[in-house]
Amino acid sequence: MRVAECRLDSLEELQLKYIERDVPNLKPIVFSTPRLRKLTMDLYPESQQIVVPWAQLTNLTLNDSHSPESALDILGRCPGLVQTSVSTVGWPQRPQAKTYYLALYHLRCLSLDFSREEPFFMSLLDYIFVPALEELCLDYGNTYRTPPWIEPHFTAFQQRSPHIARLELTYASLKSGDLKAVLQHARSLTHLKLNSCDDCFDDALIDALCYRNGAEPLVYTV
């Protein structure tokens, strides 16, 4: 019996890894998964022949997205997401000014893992509206060259996501002034993790992190 003929009524979690590219005349694969909530998918063109019940997902991991537009398109089909992790490239040129926000009102945890050499990664944040976001991870460790940190883009994102409590940055190129701006616009921040963000550590940052009597701390755990 083929999978497309099955009813997988109890299936709650599904992993779709690499699909062979030399399968001739691959047709769309449809199967019933009424309880599916968690999906991990390698985002090759062939994998998109699988018809997924996107709207019912709450947890989504997308690997190897070869364009940010593809990643945004899939996220836009998943209005109920609570947690998502996306591995994607950036834009080779600065994208056109946004004409819409992709609204994910229930999203609490967002992880973005950027790769390859396209320099415009931060623009991805310009397109999404996640007002309930509590945890954000940005990882630039797989990029060929560390892209510039664009402070106004991230500040605008923070203002649309005022409840971020946990922030993790890996191989980000922000300077100490950029990090101070991050802290100043992160009133809900309780945990900060910086991995190999060497350019932001200087005396000005240490001074900004020092607690003084009567002053409200900007972050509780570093």
N, C-alpha and C. Protein backbone atom coordinates (compact mmCIF):
# COMPACT_ATOMS: atom_id res chain seq x y z
N MET A 1 0.85 -1.20 0.00
CA MET A 1 0.00 0.00 0.00
C MET A 1 0.88 1.24 0.00
N ARG A 2 0.56 2.24 -0.83
CA ARG A 2 1.32 3.46 -0.90
C ARG A 2 0.90 4.42 0.21
N VAL A 3 1.86 5.29 0.62
CA VAL A 3 1.58 6.23 1.70
C VAL A 3 0.39 7.11 1.35
N ALA A 4 0.28 7.50 0.08
CA ALA A 4 -0.80 8.39 -0.32
C ALA A 4 -2.17 7.76 -0.12
N GLU A 5 -2.23 6.44 0.02
CA GLU A 5 -3.49 5.76 0.22
C GLU A 5 -3.80 5.54 1.70
N CYS A 6 -2.89 5.94 2.57
CA CYS A 6 -3.05 5.67 3.99
C CYS A 6 -3.74 6.83 4.71
N ARG A 7 -4.42 6.47 5.79
CA ARG A 7 -4.89 7.47 6.75
C ARG A 7 -4.02 7.31 7.99
N LEU A 8 -3.25 8.34 8.27
CA LEU A 8 -2.35 8.31 9.43
C LEU A 8 -2.99 9.13 10.53
N ASP A 9 -4.07 8.61 11.08
CA ASP A 9 -4.90 9.38 12.00
C ASP A 9 -4.21 9.71 13.32
N SER A 10 -3.22 8.93 13.71
CA SER A 10 -2.55 9.15 15.00
C SER A 10 -1.23 9.89 14.87
N LEU A 11 -0.79 10.17 13.66
CA LEU A 11 0.52 10.78 13.44
C LEU A 11 0.54 12.22 13.93
N GLU A 12 1.47 12.52 14.86
CA GLU A 12 1.58 13.86 15.42
C GLU A 12 2.87 14.56 15.00
N GLU A 13 3.90 13.79 14.64
CA GLU A 13 5.20 14.36 14.27
C GLU A 13 5.73 13.65 13.02
N LEU A 14 6.28 14.45 12.09
CA LEU A 14 6.76 13.90 10.82
C LEU A 14 8.06 14.57 10.43
N GLN A 15 9.04 13.75 9.98
CA GLN A 15 10.30 14.26 9.45
C GLN A 15 10.42 13.85 7.99
N LEU A 16 10.58 14.84 7.12
CA LEU A 16 10.77 14.60 5.69
C LEU A 16 12.17 15.07 5.33
N LYS A 17 13.08 14.14 5.23
CA LYS A 17 14.46 14.49 4.93
C LYS A 17 14.68 14.50 3.42
N TYR A 18 15.92 14.39 3.01
CA TYR A 18 16.27 14.53 1.59
C TYR A 18 15.50 13.56 0.71
N ILE A 19 14.94 14.09 -0.39
CA ILE A 19 14.21 13.29 -1.36
C ILE A 19 15.03 13.18 -2.64
N GLU A 20 15.14 11.98 -3.19
CA GLU A 20 15.93 11.78 -4.40
C GLU A 20 15.46 12.68 -5.53
N ARG A 21 16.42 13.31 -6.20
CA ARG A 21 16.08 14.24 -7.26
C ARG A 21 15.84 13.56 -8.60
N ASP A 22 16.21 12.30 -8.73
CA ASP A 22 16.10 11.64 -10.03
C ASP A 22 14.84 10.78 -10.15
N VAL A 23 13.88 11.00 -9.25
CA VAL A 23 12.62 10.27 -9.36
C VAL A 23 11.84 10.84 -10.53
N PRO A 24 11.56 10.05 -11.57
CA PRO A 24 10.87 10.59 -12.74
C PRO A 24 9.40 10.86 -12.48
N ASN A 25 8.91 11.96 -13.02
CA ASN A 25 7.48 12.28 -12.99
C ASN A 25 6.90 12.20 -11.58
N LEU A 26 7.61 12.82 -10.65
CA LEU A 26 7.13 12.81 -9.27
C LEU A 26 5.85 13.63 -9.17
N LYS A 27 4.78 12.99 -8.73
CA LYS A 27 3.49 13.66 -8.62
C LYS A 27 3.25 14.10 -7.18
N PRO A 28 2.36 15.07 -6.98
CA PRO A 28 2.05 15.49 -5.61
C PRO A 28 1.58 14.33 -4.76
N ILE A 29 2.10 14.28 -3.53
CA ILE A 29 1.77 13.21 -2.60
C ILE A 29 0.82 13.78 -1.55
N VAL A 30 -0.35 13.18 -1.44
CA VAL A 30 -1.35 13.64 -0.49
C VAL A 30 -1.70 12.49 0.44
N PHE A 31 -1.68 12.75 1.75
CA PHE A 31 -2.13 11.73 2.69
C PHE A 31 -2.75 12.43 3.89
N SER A 32 -3.59 11.71 4.61
CA SER A 32 -4.37 12.30 5.69
C SER A 32 -3.63 12.19 7.02
N THR A 33 -3.42 13.34 7.67
CA THR A 33 -2.75 13.39 8.98
C THR A 33 -3.48 14.41 9.85
N PRO A 34 -4.65 14.10 10.33
CA PRO A 34 -5.46 15.09 11.05
C PRO A 34 -4.87 15.56 12.37
N ARG A 35 -3.93 14.79 12.95
CA ARG A 35 -3.35 15.18 14.24
C ARG A 35 -1.92 15.71 14.11
N LEU A 36 -1.44 15.84 12.90
CA LEU A 36 -0.06 16.30 12.70
C LEU A 36 0.11 17.73 13.22
N ARG A 37 1.11 17.92 14.08
CA ARG A 37 1.39 19.24 14.63
C ARG A 37 2.85 19.65 14.45
N LYS A 38 3.75 18.68 14.34
CA LYS A 38 5.18 18.98 14.30
C LYS A 38 5.79 18.40 13.03
N LEU A 39 6.46 19.26 12.24
CA LEU A 39 7.03 18.84 10.96
C LEU A 39 8.46 19.35 10.83
N THR A 40 9.36 18.45 10.39
CA THR A 40 10.72 18.81 10.00
C THR A 40 10.88 18.45 8.52
N MET A 41 11.32 19.42 7.70
CA MET A 41 11.39 19.20 6.26
C MET A 41 12.66 19.81 5.69
N ASP A 42 13.35 19.03 4.83
CA ASP A 42 14.43 19.57 4.01
C ASP A 42 13.78 20.22 2.79
N LEU A 43 14.00 21.50 2.60
CA LEU A 43 13.22 22.26 1.64
C LEU A 43 13.86 22.26 0.26
N TYR A 44 13.85 21.09 -0.39
CA TYR A 44 14.25 20.99 -1.79
C TYR A 44 13.00 21.09 -2.67
N PRO A 45 13.16 21.44 -3.94
CA PRO A 45 11.97 21.53 -4.81
C PRO A 45 11.14 20.26 -4.82
N GLU A 46 11.82 19.09 -4.77
CA GLU A 46 11.09 17.84 -4.81
C GLU A 46 10.22 17.64 -3.56
N SER A 47 10.70 18.13 -2.42
CA SER A 47 9.94 17.94 -1.19
C SER A 47 8.64 18.71 -1.20
N GLN A 48 8.57 19.76 -2.01
CA GLN A 48 7.34 20.55 -2.06
C GLN A 48 6.25 19.87 -2.87
N GLN A 49 6.54 18.69 -3.43
CA GLN A 49 5.51 17.89 -4.06
C GLN A 49 4.64 17.17 -3.03
N ILE A 50 5.06 17.22 -1.78
CA ILE A 50 4.27 16.61 -0.70
C ILE A 50 3.30 17.66 -0.18
N VAL A 51 2.03 17.34 -0.23
CA VAL A 51 0.99 18.27 0.20
C VAL A 51 0.86 18.18 1.72
N VAL A 52 1.24 19.24 2.41
CA VAL A 52 1.28 19.27 3.87
C VAL A 52 0.10 20.08 4.40
N PRO A 53 -0.53 19.62 5.47
CA PRO A 53 -1.60 20.42 6.09
C PRO A 53 -1.00 21.56 6.93
N TRP A 54 -0.46 22.55 6.26
CA TRP A 54 0.29 23.61 6.93
C TRP A 54 -0.50 24.29 8.04
N ALA A 55 -1.77 24.53 7.81
CA ALA A 55 -2.55 25.35 8.74
C ALA A 55 -2.68 24.73 10.12
N GLN A 56 -2.51 23.41 10.25
CA GLN A 56 -2.68 22.77 11.55
C GLN A 56 -1.36 22.62 12.31
N LEU A 57 -0.24 23.02 11.71
CA LEU A 57 1.06 22.85 12.37
C LEU A 57 1.25 23.89 13.48
N THR A 58 1.90 23.45 14.56
CA THR A 58 2.30 24.36 15.63
C THR A 58 3.82 24.43 15.78
N ASN A 59 4.53 23.44 15.24
CA ASN A 59 5.99 23.39 15.36
C ASN A 59 6.57 23.01 14.00
N LEU A 60 7.43 23.87 13.44
CA LEU A 60 7.94 23.65 12.09
C LEU A 60 9.44 23.91 12.04
N THR A 61 10.18 22.96 11.44
CA THR A 61 11.60 23.13 11.16
C THR A 61 11.82 23.00 9.67
N LEU A 62 12.38 24.05 9.05
CA LEU A 62 12.69 24.05 7.63
C LEU A 62 14.20 24.09 7.46
N ASN A 63 14.75 23.09 6.78
CA ASN A 63 16.19 23.02 6.54
C ASN A 63 16.50 23.27 5.07
N ASP A 64 17.64 23.91 4.82
CA ASP A 64 18.18 24.04 3.46
C ASP A 64 17.26 24.79 2.51
N SER A 65 16.63 25.84 3.00
CA SER A 65 15.85 26.69 2.09
C SER A 65 16.81 27.46 1.20
N HIS A 66 16.62 27.38 -0.11
CA HIS A 66 17.53 28.02 -1.05
C HIS A 66 17.08 29.41 -1.47
N SER A 67 16.02 29.90 -0.87
CA SER A 67 15.61 31.29 -1.10
C SER A 67 14.78 31.75 0.08
N PRO A 68 14.96 32.98 0.53
CA PRO A 68 14.14 33.48 1.64
C PRO A 68 12.67 33.58 1.26
N GLU A 69 12.39 33.80 -0.04
CA GLU A 69 10.99 33.87 -0.46
C GLU A 69 10.27 32.55 -0.23
N SER A 70 10.95 31.42 -0.49
CA SER A 70 10.34 30.11 -0.26
C SER A 70 10.03 29.91 1.21
N ALA A 71 10.97 30.29 2.06
CA ALA A 71 10.75 30.15 3.50
C ALA A 71 9.58 31.01 3.96
N LEU A 72 9.52 32.26 3.49
CA LEU A 72 8.43 33.15 3.87
C LEU A 72 7.09 32.63 3.35
N ASP A 73 7.10 32.06 2.15
CA ASP A 73 5.87 31.53 1.57
C ASP A 73 5.30 30.41 2.43
N ILE A 74 6.16 29.51 2.89
CA ILE A 74 5.69 28.41 3.72
C ILE A 74 5.24 28.91 5.08
N LEU A 75 6.00 29.82 5.69
CA LEU A 75 5.59 30.36 6.98
C LEU A 75 4.22 31.03 6.88
N GLY A 76 3.95 31.66 5.75
CA GLY A 76 2.67 32.31 5.57
C GLY A 76 1.50 31.35 5.51
N ARG A 77 1.77 30.07 5.29
CA ARG A 77 0.71 29.06 5.25
C ARG A 77 0.45 28.45 6.63
N CYS A 78 1.21 28.88 7.63
CA CYS A 78 1.17 28.24 8.96
C CYS A 78 0.76 29.25 10.03
N PRO A 79 -0.48 29.70 10.03
CA PRO A 79 -0.88 30.75 10.98
C PRO A 79 -0.87 30.32 12.43
N GLY A 80 -0.87 29.00 12.69
CA GLY A 80 -0.94 28.53 14.06
C GLY A 80 0.40 28.20 14.70
N LEU A 81 1.50 28.54 14.04
CA LEU A 81 2.82 28.18 14.57
C LEU A 81 3.08 28.80 15.94
N VAL A 82 3.65 27.96 16.82
CA VAL A 82 4.12 28.42 18.13
C VAL A 82 5.64 28.45 18.16
N GLN A 83 6.26 27.54 17.44
CA GLN A 83 7.72 27.44 17.40
C GLN A 83 8.16 27.11 15.99
N THR A 84 9.20 27.81 15.50
CA THR A 84 9.73 27.49 14.18
C THR A 84 11.22 27.74 14.12
N SER A 85 11.91 26.88 13.37
CA SER A 85 13.33 27.01 13.12
C SER A 85 13.54 26.94 11.61
N VAL A 86 14.24 27.93 11.06
CA VAL A 86 14.40 28.03 9.61
C VAL A 86 15.88 28.20 9.27
N SER A 87 16.38 27.34 8.39
CA SER A 87 17.73 27.47 7.84
C SER A 87 17.60 27.97 6.41
N THR A 88 18.13 29.15 6.13
CA THR A 88 17.91 29.76 4.82
C THR A 88 19.08 30.64 4.42
N VAL A 89 19.07 31.04 3.16
CA VAL A 89 20.05 32.00 2.66
C VAL A 89 19.43 33.39 2.74
N GLY A 90 20.24 34.40 2.41
CA GLY A 90 19.73 35.76 2.34
C GLY A 90 19.44 36.17 0.91
N TRP A 91 19.29 37.47 0.71
CA TRP A 91 19.11 38.01 -0.64
C TRP A 91 20.45 38.47 -1.19
N PRO A 92 20.74 38.25 -2.48
CA PRO A 92 21.99 38.74 -3.06
C PRO A 92 22.03 40.26 -3.19
N GLN A 93 20.85 40.88 -3.30
CA GLN A 93 20.73 42.33 -3.34
C GLN A 93 19.66 42.75 -2.35
N ARG A 94 19.73 44.00 -1.93
CA ARG A 94 18.74 44.47 -0.97
C ARG A 94 17.34 44.34 -1.57
N PRO A 95 16.43 43.63 -0.90
CA PRO A 95 15.09 43.44 -1.46
C PRO A 95 14.30 44.73 -1.48
N GLN A 96 13.25 44.73 -2.28
CA GLN A 96 12.40 45.90 -2.35
C GLN A 96 11.73 46.15 -1.01
N ALA A 97 11.34 47.40 -0.81
CA ALA A 97 10.68 47.75 0.43
C ALA A 97 9.43 46.88 0.62
N LYS A 98 9.20 46.47 1.85
CA LYS A 98 8.09 45.57 2.13
C LYS A 98 6.76 46.25 1.82
N THR A 99 5.81 45.47 1.38
CA THR A 99 4.45 45.96 1.15
C THR A 99 3.45 45.24 2.05
N TYR A 100 3.97 44.36 2.92
CA TYR A 100 3.08 43.60 3.80
C TYR A 100 3.90 43.06 4.97
N TYR A 101 3.21 42.64 6.02
CA TYR A 101 3.80 41.88 7.10
C TYR A 101 3.22 40.47 7.09
N LEU A 102 4.08 39.48 7.27
CA LEU A 102 3.63 38.12 7.47
C LEU A 102 3.35 37.98 8.96
N ALA A 103 2.08 37.86 9.32
CA ALA A 103 1.68 37.88 10.72
C ALA A 103 1.57 36.46 11.27
N LEU A 104 2.33 36.18 12.32
CA LEU A 104 2.27 34.91 13.04
C LEU A 104 1.96 35.25 14.49
N TYR A 105 0.69 35.35 14.81
CA TYR A 105 0.27 35.90 16.09
C TYR A 105 0.54 34.98 17.26
N HIS A 106 0.72 33.69 17.03
CA HIS A 106 0.91 32.73 18.13
C HIS A 106 2.37 32.33 18.32
N LEU A 107 3.26 32.80 17.47
CA LEU A 107 4.65 32.34 17.51
C LEU A 107 5.35 32.83 18.78
N ARG A 108 5.93 31.87 19.51
CA ARG A 108 6.65 32.19 20.75
C ARG A 108 8.17 32.05 20.59
N CYS A 109 8.60 31.15 19.70
CA CYS A 109 10.03 30.85 19.57
C CYS A 109 10.41 30.85 18.09
N LEU A 110 11.41 31.67 17.74
CA LEU A 110 11.87 31.79 16.35
C LEU A 110 13.38 31.62 16.31
N SER A 111 13.85 30.67 15.48
CA SER A 111 15.27 30.45 15.29
C SER A 111 15.58 30.55 13.80
N LEU A 112 16.53 31.42 13.45
CA LEU A 112 16.93 31.61 12.06
C LEU A 112 18.42 31.29 11.93
N ASP A 113 18.73 30.33 11.06
CA ASP A 113 20.10 29.90 10.81
C ASP A 113 20.44 30.28 9.37
N PHE A 114 21.33 31.25 9.22
CA PHE A 114 21.64 31.78 7.88
C PHE A 114 22.88 31.09 7.32
N SER A 115 22.91 30.94 5.99
CA SER A 115 24.03 30.24 5.35
C SER A 115 24.38 30.88 4.02
N ARG A 116 25.55 30.48 3.50
CA ARG A 116 26.07 30.91 2.20
C ARG A 116 26.49 32.38 2.23
N GLU A 117 26.62 32.99 1.06
CA GLU A 117 27.32 34.26 0.96
C GLU A 117 26.43 35.46 0.69
N GLU A 118 25.14 35.26 0.43
CA GLU A 118 24.27 36.40 0.17
C GLU A 118 24.25 37.32 1.39
N PRO A 119 24.45 38.63 1.21
CA PRO A 119 24.69 39.50 2.35
C PRO A 119 23.46 40.01 3.07
N PHE A 120 22.28 39.97 2.45
CA PHE A 120 21.13 40.65 3.04
C PHE A 120 20.23 39.64 3.76
N PHE A 121 20.60 39.37 5.02
CA PHE A 121 19.84 38.46 5.85
C PHE A 121 18.84 39.20 6.73
N MET A 122 19.27 40.35 7.26
CA MET A 122 18.46 41.06 8.23
C MET A 122 17.11 41.47 7.65
N SER A 123 17.03 41.59 6.32
CA SER A 123 15.78 41.99 5.69
C SER A 123 14.66 40.99 5.94
N LEU A 124 15.00 39.75 6.26
CA LEU A 124 13.97 38.75 6.55
C LEU A 124 13.11 39.19 7.73
N LEU A 125 13.72 39.85 8.70
CA LEU A 125 12.97 40.30 9.86
C LEU A 125 12.00 41.42 9.51
N ASP A 126 12.27 42.13 8.40
CA ASP A 126 11.39 43.23 8.00
C ASP A 126 10.01 42.74 7.58
N TYR A 127 9.92 41.47 7.19
CA TYR A 127 8.69 40.96 6.60
C TYR A 127 7.76 40.28 7.60
N ILE A 128 8.23 40.03 8.81
CA ILE A 128 7.41 39.24 9.73
C ILE A 128 6.96 40.06 10.93
N PHE A 129 5.75 39.75 11.38
CA PHE A 129 5.13 40.39 12.54
C PHE A 129 4.79 39.30 13.54
N VAL A 130 5.53 39.27 14.66
CA VAL A 130 5.37 38.20 15.65
C VAL A 130 5.22 38.84 17.03
N PRO A 131 4.07 39.41 17.33
CA PRO A 131 3.90 40.19 18.56
C PRO A 131 4.01 39.40 19.84
N ALA A 132 3.81 38.07 19.79
CA ALA A 132 3.88 37.25 21.00
C ALA A 132 5.25 36.60 21.20
N LEU A 133 6.23 36.93 20.36
CA LEU A 133 7.53 36.27 20.39
C LEU A 133 8.22 36.46 21.74
N GLU A 134 8.73 35.33 22.29
CA GLU A 134 9.43 35.35 23.57
C GLU A 134 10.89 34.94 23.45
N GLU A 135 11.22 34.16 22.43
CA GLU A 135 12.59 33.66 22.28
C GLU A 135 13.05 33.81 20.83
N LEU A 136 14.23 34.40 20.65
CA LEU A 136 14.78 34.63 19.31
C LEU A 136 16.23 34.19 19.26
N CYS A 137 16.57 33.36 18.25
CA CYS A 137 17.94 32.92 18.02
C CYS A 137 18.33 33.25 16.58
N LEU A 138 19.45 33.96 16.42
CA LEU A 138 19.98 34.28 15.09
C LEU A 138 21.39 33.70 15.00
N ASP A 139 21.63 32.85 14.01
CA ASP A 139 22.92 32.17 13.86
C ASP A 139 23.48 32.46 12.47
N TYR A 140 24.63 33.15 12.44
CA TYR A 140 25.31 33.47 11.18
C TYR A 140 26.54 32.60 10.97
N GLY A 141 26.66 31.51 11.73
CA GLY A 141 27.87 30.70 11.70
C GLY A 141 28.15 29.99 10.40
N ASN A 142 27.13 29.78 9.56
CA ASN A 142 27.32 29.07 8.30
C ASN A 142 27.43 29.99 7.10
N THR A 143 27.55 31.28 7.34
CA THR A 143 27.73 32.21 6.22
C THR A 143 29.19 32.27 5.81
N TYR A 144 29.44 32.50 4.53
CA TYR A 144 30.81 32.57 4.04
C TYR A 144 31.52 33.82 4.54
N ARG A 145 30.77 34.87 4.75
CA ARG A 145 31.31 36.09 5.33
C ARG A 145 30.23 36.69 6.22
N THR A 146 30.63 37.18 7.37
CA THR A 146 29.66 37.69 8.32
C THR A 146 29.01 38.95 7.77
N PRO A 147 27.69 38.96 7.60
CA PRO A 147 27.02 40.14 7.05
C PRO A 147 26.98 41.27 8.06
N PRO A 148 26.83 42.50 7.59
CA PRO A 148 26.78 43.63 8.52
C PRO A 148 25.51 43.59 9.37
N TRP A 149 25.65 44.04 10.59
CA TRP A 149 24.49 44.18 11.47
C TRP A 149 23.85 45.54 11.18
N ILE A 150 22.56 45.54 10.85
CA ILE A 150 21.86 46.77 10.50
C ILE A 150 20.94 47.12 11.65
N GLU A 151 21.40 48.02 12.50
CA GLU A 151 20.70 48.30 13.76
C GLU A 151 19.26 48.77 13.58
N PRO A 152 18.96 49.69 12.63
CA PRO A 152 17.56 50.14 12.50
C PRO A 152 16.60 49.00 12.16
N HIS A 153 17.04 48.03 11.36
CA HIS A 153 16.18 46.90 11.01
C HIS A 153 15.84 46.09 12.27
N PHE A 154 16.85 45.82 13.08
CA PHE A 154 16.60 44.99 14.26
C PHE A 154 15.79 45.75 15.30
N THR A 155 16.06 47.04 15.46
CA THR A 155 15.28 47.84 16.40
C THR A 155 13.81 47.86 16.01
N ALA A 156 13.53 48.03 14.72
CA ALA A 156 12.14 48.02 14.25
C ALA A 156 11.47 46.68 14.55
N PHE A 157 12.23 45.59 14.37
CA PHE A 157 11.70 44.26 14.68
C PHE A 157 11.40 44.15 16.17
N GLN A 158 12.31 44.64 17.00
CA GLN A 158 12.09 44.58 18.45
C GLN A 158 10.83 45.36 18.85
N GLN A 159 10.61 46.49 18.24
CA GLN A 159 9.45 47.30 18.58
C GLN A 159 8.15 46.60 18.21
N ARG A 160 8.19 45.74 17.19
CA ARG A 160 7.01 44.94 16.83
C ARG A 160 6.91 43.66 17.67
N SER A 161 7.96 43.35 18.42
CA SER A 161 8.00 42.12 19.23
C SER A 161 8.47 42.48 20.64
N PRO A 162 7.65 43.15 21.41
CA PRO A 162 8.11 43.71 22.68
C PRO A 162 8.27 42.71 23.82
N HIS A 163 7.92 41.44 23.61
CA HIS A 163 7.95 40.47 24.70
C HIS A 163 9.12 39.49 24.62
N ILE A 164 10.14 39.80 23.82
CA ILE A 164 11.29 38.90 23.72
C ILE A 164 12.01 38.83 25.07
N ALA A 165 12.04 37.64 25.65
CA ALA A 165 12.69 37.44 26.95
C ALA A 165 14.05 36.76 26.82
N ARG A 166 14.23 35.97 25.78
CA ARG A 166 15.48 35.24 25.56
C ARG A 166 16.02 35.56 24.17
N LEU A 167 17.26 35.98 24.13
CA LEU A 167 17.90 36.34 22.87
C LEU A 167 19.25 35.65 22.77
N GLU A 168 19.47 34.94 21.67
CA GLU A 168 20.75 34.28 21.43
C GLU A 168 21.28 34.69 20.06
N LEU A 169 22.51 35.20 20.03
CA LEU A 169 23.15 35.63 18.79
C LEU A 169 24.45 34.85 18.62
N THR A 170 24.66 34.29 17.43
CA THR A 170 25.87 33.52 17.14
C THR A 170 26.55 34.09 15.90
N TYR A 171 27.82 34.45 16.06
CA TYR A 171 28.63 35.02 14.98
C TYR A 171 27.97 36.25 14.36
N ALA A 172 27.28 37.03 15.16
CA ALA A 172 26.70 38.28 14.67
C ALA A 172 27.78 39.37 14.69
N SER A 173 27.70 40.30 13.75
CA SER A 173 28.76 41.30 13.58
C SER A 173 28.44 42.62 14.27
N LEU A 174 27.56 42.61 15.24
CA LEU A 174 27.20 43.86 15.88
C LEU A 174 28.33 44.41 16.74
N LYS A 175 28.41 45.74 16.80
CA LYS A 175 29.38 46.43 17.64
C LYS A 175 28.77 46.67 19.02
N SER A 176 29.58 47.23 19.92
CA SER A 176 29.07 47.46 21.27
C SER A 176 27.89 48.43 21.27
N GLY A 177 27.95 49.45 20.40
CA GLY A 177 26.83 50.39 20.30
C GLY A 177 25.56 49.72 19.81
N ASP A 178 25.72 48.76 18.89
CA ASP A 178 24.56 48.00 18.40
C ASP A 178 23.95 47.17 19.52
N LEU A 179 24.81 46.53 20.31
CA LEU A 179 24.30 45.70 21.39
C LEU A 179 23.62 46.55 22.46
N LYS A 180 24.16 47.72 22.74
CA LYS A 180 23.51 48.61 23.70
C LYS A 180 22.12 48.99 23.20
N ALA A 181 21.99 49.24 21.89
CA ALA A 181 20.68 49.56 21.32
C ALA A 181 19.73 48.37 21.47
N VAL A 182 20.25 47.15 21.27
CA VAL A 182 19.43 45.95 21.45
C VAL A 182 18.89 45.89 22.88
N LEU A 183 19.77 46.12 23.85
CA LEU A 183 19.36 46.05 25.25
C LEU A 183 18.37 47.15 25.61
N GLN A 184 18.57 48.33 25.06
CA GLN A 184 17.69 49.45 25.38
C GLN A 184 16.27 49.25 24.84
N HIS A 185 16.14 48.43 23.80
CA HIS A 185 14.82 48.18 23.22
C HIS A 185 14.29 46.80 23.58
N ALA A 186 14.87 46.19 24.60
CA ALA A 186 14.46 44.83 25.01
C ALA A 186 14.03 44.86 26.47
N ARG A 187 12.91 45.51 26.72
CA ARG A 187 12.48 45.70 28.11
C ARG A 187 12.03 44.41 28.78
N SER A 188 11.72 43.37 28.00
CA SER A 188 11.30 42.10 28.59
C SER A 188 12.44 41.09 28.67
N LEU A 189 13.65 41.48 28.25
CA LEU A 189 14.76 40.54 28.15
C LEU A 189 15.23 40.08 29.53
N THR A 190 15.31 38.76 29.70
CA THR A 190 15.83 38.18 30.94
C THR A 190 17.08 37.33 30.71
N HIS A 191 17.27 36.81 29.49
CA HIS A 191 18.42 35.95 29.20
C HIS A 191 19.05 36.37 27.88
N LEU A 192 20.35 36.58 27.90
CA LEU A 192 21.10 36.97 26.71
C LEU A 192 22.28 36.02 26.54
N LYS A 193 22.43 35.46 25.34
CA LYS A 193 23.54 34.55 25.04
C LYS A 193 24.22 35.02 23.77
N LEU A 194 25.52 35.30 23.86
CA LEU A 194 26.32 35.77 22.73
C LEU A 194 27.41 34.75 22.45
N ASN A 195 27.39 34.16 21.26
CA ASN A 195 28.39 33.17 20.86
C ASN A 195 29.27 33.74 19.76
N SER A 196 30.55 33.92 20.05
CA SER A 196 31.52 34.39 19.05
C SER A 196 31.10 35.72 18.41
N CYS A 197 30.53 36.60 19.20
CA CYS A 197 30.21 37.96 18.75
C CYS A 197 31.31 38.89 19.25
N ASP A 198 32.51 38.70 18.73
CA ASP A 198 33.70 39.30 19.32
C ASP A 198 33.74 40.82 19.20
N ASP A 199 33.13 41.39 18.17
CA ASP A 199 33.26 42.82 17.93
C ASP A 199 32.49 43.68 18.92
N CYS A 200 31.61 43.08 19.70
CA CYS A 200 30.76 43.91 20.57
C CYS A 200 31.31 44.04 21.98
N PHE A 201 32.42 43.36 22.30
CA PHE A 201 32.94 43.41 23.66
C PHE A 201 34.03 44.47 23.78
N ASP A 202 33.73 45.52 24.50
CA ASP A 202 34.71 46.55 24.80
C ASP A 202 34.31 47.20 26.12
N ASP A 203 35.08 48.20 26.54
CA ASP A 203 34.82 48.83 27.84
C ASP A 203 33.44 49.47 27.90
N ALA A 204 32.98 50.02 26.78
CA ALA A 204 31.67 50.66 26.76
C ALA A 204 30.56 49.65 27.05
N LEU A 205 30.70 48.44 26.50
CA LEU A 205 29.69 47.43 26.75
C LEU A 205 29.73 46.97 28.20
N ILE A 206 30.92 46.72 28.72
CA ILE A 206 31.03 46.28 30.11
C ILE A 206 30.43 47.33 31.03
N ASP A 207 30.67 48.59 30.74
CA ASP A 207 30.10 49.66 31.56
C ASP A 207 28.58 49.65 31.48
N ALA A 208 28.05 49.39 30.28
CA ALA A 208 26.59 49.38 30.11
C ALA A 208 25.94 48.22 30.86
N LEU A 209 26.68 47.12 31.02
CA LEU A 209 26.14 45.95 31.70
C LEU A 209 26.29 46.01 33.21
N CYS A 210 27.08 46.95 33.71
CA CYS A 210 27.30 47.05 35.15
C CYS A 210 26.04 47.54 35.86
N TYR A 211 25.74 46.91 36.99
CA TYR A 211 24.57 47.31 37.78
C TYR A 211 24.96 48.42 38.74
N ARG A 212 24.13 49.42 38.80
CA ARG A 212 24.33 50.51 39.74
C ARG A 212 23.09 50.64 40.62
N ASN A 213 23.31 50.94 41.90
CA ASN A 213 22.20 51.05 42.83
C ASN A 213 21.17 52.05 42.32
N GLY A 214 19.92 51.62 42.36
CA GLY A 214 18.84 52.50 41.93
C GLY A 214 18.52 52.41 40.46
N ALA A 215 19.36 51.73 39.69
CA ALA A 215 19.13 51.62 38.25
C ALA A 215 18.46 50.28 37.94
N GLU A 216 17.54 50.29 37.03
CA GLU A 216 16.87 49.06 36.62
C GLU A 216 17.78 48.28 35.68
N PRO A 217 18.09 47.01 35.99
CA PRO A 217 18.97 46.23 35.10
C PRO A 217 18.34 46.02 33.74
N LEU A 218 19.18 46.04 32.69
CA LEU A 218 18.69 45.82 31.34
C LEU A 218 18.51 44.34 31.04
N VAL A 219 19.27 43.50 31.72
CA VAL A 219 19.16 42.06 31.49
C VAL A 219 19.56 41.35 32.78
N TYR A 220 18.94 40.21 33.06
CA TYR A 220 19.15 39.52 34.32
C TYR A 220 20.13 38.36 34.21
N THR A 221 20.26 37.76 33.06
CA THR A 221 21.17 36.64 32.87
C THR A 221 21.93 36.82 31.57
N VAL A 222 23.27 36.79 31.65
CA VAL A 222 24.13 36.89 30.46
C VAL A 222 25.00 35.64 30.43
